[in-house]
Amino acid sequence: MDGLILPLLLMLVVALPLILSTRKQKRLMAEQQEMQNALSEGDRVMTTSGLYATVADASDDTTIDLEIAEGVVTTWLRQGVRERIVPTTEADEADEVDADEAGDTAEPVETAQDDTTAKATASADDATGAQVAAPLEHGKK
């Protein structure tokens, strides 16, 4: 009996991850199939080859017509659609801008420079709003 425990544990350690990964893969495939079957006219999609297009006709079970440019419609297998592209709204873009601005609160880092290698310039705004570079004065020893 003791001689069977080690092989059974070894088989369990090997088989359990295989079973779990198979279940995850099946779930992902089912979600992909569901998305492909739910496509309707006017949806923005990306194909497996990276082509962005708009669904022109989704009435066939196996194929789908995609408009890749104004007046250019091509026929693809439904399995060729990788994902549906959700358009961003103005509210989403405003949230992204606010998040970017919140991240820019860090103080600028000053670096120590040797007098012989100091070549710093300062920028100042002139009356027209353009950036103008002005040299800094160097300290004397």
C-alpha atoms as a PDB file:
ATOM      1  CA  MET A   1       0.000   0.000   0.000  1.00  0.00           C
ATOM      2  CA  ASP A   2       2.816   2.401   0.876  1.00  0.00           C
ATOM      3  CA  GLY A   3       4.407   1.753  -2.519  1.00  0.00           C
ATOM      4  CA  LEU A   4       1.260   3.014  -4.319  1.00  0.00           C
ATOM      5  CA  ILE A   5       0.953   6.380  -2.562  1.00  0.00           C
ATOM      6  CA  LEU A   6       3.970   8.004  -4.222  1.00  0.00           C
ATOM      7  CA  PRO A   7       2.944   7.108  -7.832  1.00  0.00           C
ATOM      8  CA  LEU A   8      -0.652   8.189  -7.147  1.00  0.00           C
ATOM      9  CA  LEU A   9       0.501  11.540  -5.744  1.00  0.00           C
ATOM     10  CA  LEU A  10       2.809  12.020  -8.725  1.00  0.00           C
ATOM     11  CA  MET A  11      -0.034  11.302 -11.148  1.00  0.00           C
ATOM     12  CA  LEU A  12      -2.284  13.710  -9.257  1.00  0.00           C
ATOM     13  CA  VAL A  13       0.338  16.478  -9.361  1.00  0.00           C
ATOM     14  CA  VAL A  14       0.737  16.003 -13.121  1.00  0.00           C
ATOM     15  CA  ALA A  15      -2.945  15.463 -14.006  1.00  0.00           C
ATOM     16  CA  LEU A  16      -4.517  18.259 -11.948  1.00  0.00           C
ATOM     17  CA  PRO A  17      -2.874  21.199 -13.816  1.00  0.00           C
ATOM     18  CA  LEU A  18      -3.673  19.547 -17.154  1.00  0.00           C
ATOM     19  CA  ILE A  19      -7.341  19.212 -16.251  1.00  0.00           C
ATOM     20  CA  LEU A  20      -7.566  22.779 -14.946  1.00  0.00           C
ATOM     21  CA  SER A  21      -5.867  24.267 -18.017  1.00  0.00           C
ATOM     22  CA  THR A  22      -8.168  22.292 -20.318  1.00  0.00           C
ATOM     23  CA  ARG A  23     -11.233  23.673 -18.522  1.00  0.00           C
ATOM     24  CA  LYS A  24      -9.903  27.238 -18.790  1.00  0.00           C
ATOM     25  CA  GLN A  25      -9.179  26.817 -22.503  1.00  0.00           C
ATOM     26  CA  LYS A  26     -12.674  25.439 -23.144  1.00  0.00           C
ATOM     27  CA  ARG A  27     -14.225  28.391 -21.281  1.00  0.00           C
ATOM     28  CA  LEU A  28     -12.196  30.913 -23.325  1.00  0.00           C
ATOM     29  CA  MET A  29     -13.157  29.189 -26.582  1.00  0.00           C
ATOM     30  CA  ALA A  30     -16.838  29.262 -25.597  1.00  0.00           C
ATOM     31  CA  GLU A  31     -16.627  33.006 -24.830  1.00  0.00           C
ATOM     32  CA  GLN A  32     -14.919  33.640 -28.199  1.00  0.00           C
ATOM     33  CA  GLN A  33     -17.597  31.646 -30.044  1.00  0.00           C
ATOM     34  CA  GLU A  34     -20.358  33.495 -28.196  1.00  0.00           C
ATOM     35  CA  MET A  35     -18.853  36.875 -29.143  1.00  0.00           C
ATOM     36  CA  GLN A  36     -18.531  35.850 -32.802  1.00  0.00           C
ATOM     37  CA  ASN A  37     -22.153  34.667 -32.923  1.00  0.00           C
ATOM     38  CA  ALA A  38     -23.418  37.862 -31.249  1.00  0.00           C
ATOM     39  CA  LEU A  39     -21.891  40.230 -33.833  1.00  0.00           C
ATOM     40  CA  SER A  40     -24.378  42.522 -35.520  1.00  0.00           C
ATOM     41  CA  GLU A  41     -24.309  45.112 -38.268  1.00  0.00           C
ATOM     42  CA  GLY A  42     -22.406  48.267 -37.314  1.00  0.00           C
ATOM     43  CA  ASP A  43     -20.102  46.642 -34.720  1.00  0.00           C
ATOM     44  CA  ARG A  44     -16.413  47.609 -34.881  1.00  0.00           C
ATOM     45  CA  VAL A  45     -14.171  44.534 -34.841  1.00  0.00           C
ATOM     46  CA  MET A  46     -10.534  43.512 -35.151  1.00  0.00           C
ATOM     47  CA  THR A  47      -9.647  40.396 -37.130  1.00  0.00           C
ATOM     48  CA  THR A  48      -7.019  37.833 -36.179  1.00  0.00           C
ATOM     49  CA  SER A  49      -4.682  39.492 -38.692  1.00  0.00           C
ATOM     50  CA  GLY A  50      -5.052  42.886 -36.977  1.00  0.00           C
ATOM     51  CA  LEU A  51      -7.419  44.494 -39.491  1.00  0.00           C
ATOM     52  CA  TYR A  52      -9.954  46.938 -38.029  1.00  0.00           C
ATOM     53  CA  ALA A  53     -13.332  46.932 -39.756  1.00  0.00           C
ATOM     54  CA  THR A  54     -17.057  47.518 -39.353  1.00  0.00           C
ATOM     55  CA  VAL A  55     -19.540  44.658 -39.678  1.00  0.00           C
ATOM     56  CA  ALA A  56     -21.594  45.252 -42.851  1.00  0.00           C
ATOM     57  CA  ASP A  57     -23.613  42.014 -42.894  1.00  0.00           C
ATOM     58  CA  ALA A  58     -23.798  39.284 -40.250  1.00  0.00           C
ATOM     59  CA  SER A  59     -26.747  37.276 -41.609  1.00  0.00           C
ATOM     60  CA  ASP A  60     -24.737  34.171 -42.644  1.00  0.00           C
ATOM     61  CA  ASP A  61     -23.862  31.529 -40.038  1.00  0.00           C
ATOM     62  CA  THR A  62     -20.280  30.881 -41.185  1.00  0.00           C
ATOM     63  CA  THR A  63     -19.173  34.114 -42.875  1.00  0.00           C
ATOM     64  CA  ILE A  64     -19.379  37.807 -42.090  1.00  0.00           C
ATOM     65  CA  ASP A  65     -19.042  40.848 -44.374  1.00  0.00           C
ATOM     66  CA  LEU A  66     -16.662  43.508 -43.079  1.00  0.00           C
ATOM     67  CA  GLU A  67     -16.340  47.051 -44.410  1.00  0.00           C
ATOM     68  CA  ILE A  68     -12.649  47.906 -44.224  1.00  0.00           C
ATOM     69  CA  ALA A  69     -12.921  51.287 -45.983  1.00  0.00           C
ATOM     70  CA  GLU A  70     -15.691  53.478 -47.366  1.00  0.00           C
ATOM     71  CA  GLY A  71     -17.470  51.246 -49.914  1.00  0.00           C
ATOM     72  CA  VAL A  72     -14.955  48.348 -49.617  1.00  0.00           C
ATOM     73  CA  VAL A  73     -16.676  45.243 -48.219  1.00  0.00           C
ATOM     74  CA  THR A  74     -14.877  41.913 -47.818  1.00  0.00           C
ATOM     75  CA  THR A  75     -16.168  38.508 -46.718  1.00  0.00           C
ATOM     76  CA  TRP A  76     -14.468  36.728 -43.786  1.00  0.00           C
ATOM     77  CA  LEU A  77     -15.070  33.575 -41.790  1.00  0.00           C
ATOM     78  CA  ARG A  78     -16.610  34.408 -38.416  1.00  0.00           C
ATOM     79  CA  GLN A  79     -13.658  32.672 -36.746  1.00  0.00           C
ATOM     80  CA  GLY A  80     -11.426  35.369 -38.270  1.00  0.00           C
ATOM     81  CA  VAL A  81     -12.852  37.987 -35.886  1.00  0.00           C
ATOM     82  CA  ARG A  82     -10.670  38.243 -32.786  1.00  0.00           C
ATOM     83  CA  GLU A  83     -12.501  40.856 -30.737  1.00  0.00           C
ATOM     84  CA  ARG A  84     -15.211  43.491 -30.730  1.00  0.00           C
ATOM     85  CA  ILE A  85     -13.857  47.027 -30.366  1.00  0.00           C
ATOM     86  CA  VAL A  86     -15.796  49.105 -27.860  1.00  0.00           C
ATOM     87  CA  PRO A  87     -15.687  52.795 -28.835  1.00  0.00           C
ATOM     88  CA  THR A  88     -14.458  55.119 -26.103  1.00  0.00           C
ATOM     89  CA  THR A  89     -16.817  57.855 -25.058  1.00  0.00           C
ATOM     90  CA  GLU A  90     -15.880  61.434 -24.261  1.00  0.00           C
ATOM     91  CA  ALA A  91     -16.431  60.712 -20.558  1.00  0.00           C
ATOM     92  CA  ASP A  92     -13.895  57.847 -20.690  1.00  0.00           C
ATOM     93  CA  GLU A  93     -11.355  60.100 -22.439  1.00  0.00           C
ATOM     94  CA  ALA A  94     -11.869  62.823 -19.816  1.00  0.00           C
ATOM     95  CA  ASP A  95     -11.240  60.268 -17.048  1.00  0.00           C
ATOM     96  CA  GLU A  96      -8.002  59.191 -18.752  1.00  0.00           C
ATOM     97  CA  VAL A  97      -6.843  62.838 -19.024  1.00  0.00           C
ATOM     98  CA  ASP A  98      -7.631  63.433 -15.331  1.00  0.00           C
ATOM     99  CA  ALA A  99      -5.663  60.322 -14.379  1.00  0.00           C
ATOM    100  CA  ASP A 100      -2.686  61.468 -16.461  1.00  0.00           C
ATOM    101  CA  GLU A 101      -2.729  64.921 -14.879  1.00  0.00           C
ATOM    102  CA  ALA A 102      -2.911  63.419 -11.384  1.00  0.00           C
ATOM    103  CA  GLY A 103       0.228  61.403 -12.085  1.00  0.00           C
ATOM    104  CA  ASP A 104       2.265  64.513 -13.003  1.00  0.00           C
ATOM    105  CA  THR A 105       2.523  65.894  -9.455  1.00  0.00           C
ATOM    106  CA  ALA A 106       6.120  64.809  -8.853  1.00  0.00           C
ATOM    107  CA  GLU A 107       8.721  67.507  -8.260  1.00  0.00           C
ATOM    108  CA  PRO A 108      11.355  67.899 -10.979  1.00  0.00           C
ATOM    109  CA  VAL A 109      14.658  66.242 -10.180  1.00  0.00           C
ATOM    110  CA  GLU A 110      17.692  68.526 -10.138  1.00  0.00           C
ATOM    111  CA  THR A 111      21.038  67.081 -11.091  1.00  0.00           C
ATOM    112  CA  ALA A 112      24.383  68.362  -9.865  1.00  0.00           C
ATOM    113  CA  GLN A 113      26.661  69.443 -12.695  1.00  0.00           C
ATOM    114  CA  ASP A 114      30.350  70.305 -12.792  1.00  0.00           C
ATOM    115  CA  ASP A 115      31.164  73.947 -13.766  1.00  0.00           C
ATOM    116  CA  THR A 116      33.188  72.772 -16.750  1.00  0.00           C
ATOM    117  CA  THR A 117      30.359  70.666 -18.176  1.00  0.00           C
ATOM    118  CA  ALA A 118      27.366  72.836 -17.286  1.00  0.00           C
ATOM    119  CA  LYS A 119      25.444  73.677 -20.430  1.00  0.00           C
ATOM    120  CA  ALA A 120      21.969  74.239 -19.097  1.00  0.00           C
ATOM    121  CA  THR A 121      19.370  76.367 -20.761  1.00  0.00           C
ATOM    122  CA  ALA A 122      16.153  77.698 -19.344  1.00  0.00           C
ATOM    123  CA  SER A 123      12.928  78.109 -21.257  1.00  0.00           C
ATOM    124  CA  ALA A 124      10.705  81.107 -20.922  1.00  0.00           C
ATOM    125  CA  ASP A 125       7.454  82.019 -22.601  1.00  0.00           C
ATOM    126  CA  ASP A 126       7.485  85.139 -24.712  1.00  0.00           C
ATOM    127  CA  ALA A 127       4.421  87.274 -25.481  1.00  0.00           C
ATOM    128  CA  THR A 128       3.285  84.953 -28.306  1.00  0.00           C
ATOM    129  CA  GLY A 129       3.422  81.831 -26.134  1.00  0.00           C
ATOM    130  CA  ALA A 130       6.319  80.241 -27.999  1.00  0.00           C
ATOM    131  CA  GLN A 131       9.143  78.620 -26.062  1.00  0.00           C
ATOM    132  CA  VAL A 132      12.392  80.629 -26.116  1.00  0.00           C
ATOM    133  CA  ALA A 133      15.668  79.201 -24.790  1.00  0.00           C
ATOM    134  CA  ALA A 134      17.852  81.523 -22.677  1.00  0.00           C
ATOM    135  CA  PRO A 135      21.278  80.530 -21.335  1.00  0.00           C
ATOM    136  CA  LEU A 136      21.831  80.400 -17.569  1.00  0.00           C
ATOM    137  CA  GLU A 137      24.704  82.282 -15.963  1.00  0.00           C
ATOM    138  CA  HIS A 138      27.481  80.102 -14.617  1.00  0.00           C
ATOM    139  CA  GLY A 139      28.850  80.726 -11.100  1.00  0.00           C
ATOM    140  CA  LYS A 140      32.519  81.587 -10.708  1.00  0.00           C
ATOM    141  CA  LYS A 141      34.861  79.948  -8.191  1.00  0.00           C
END
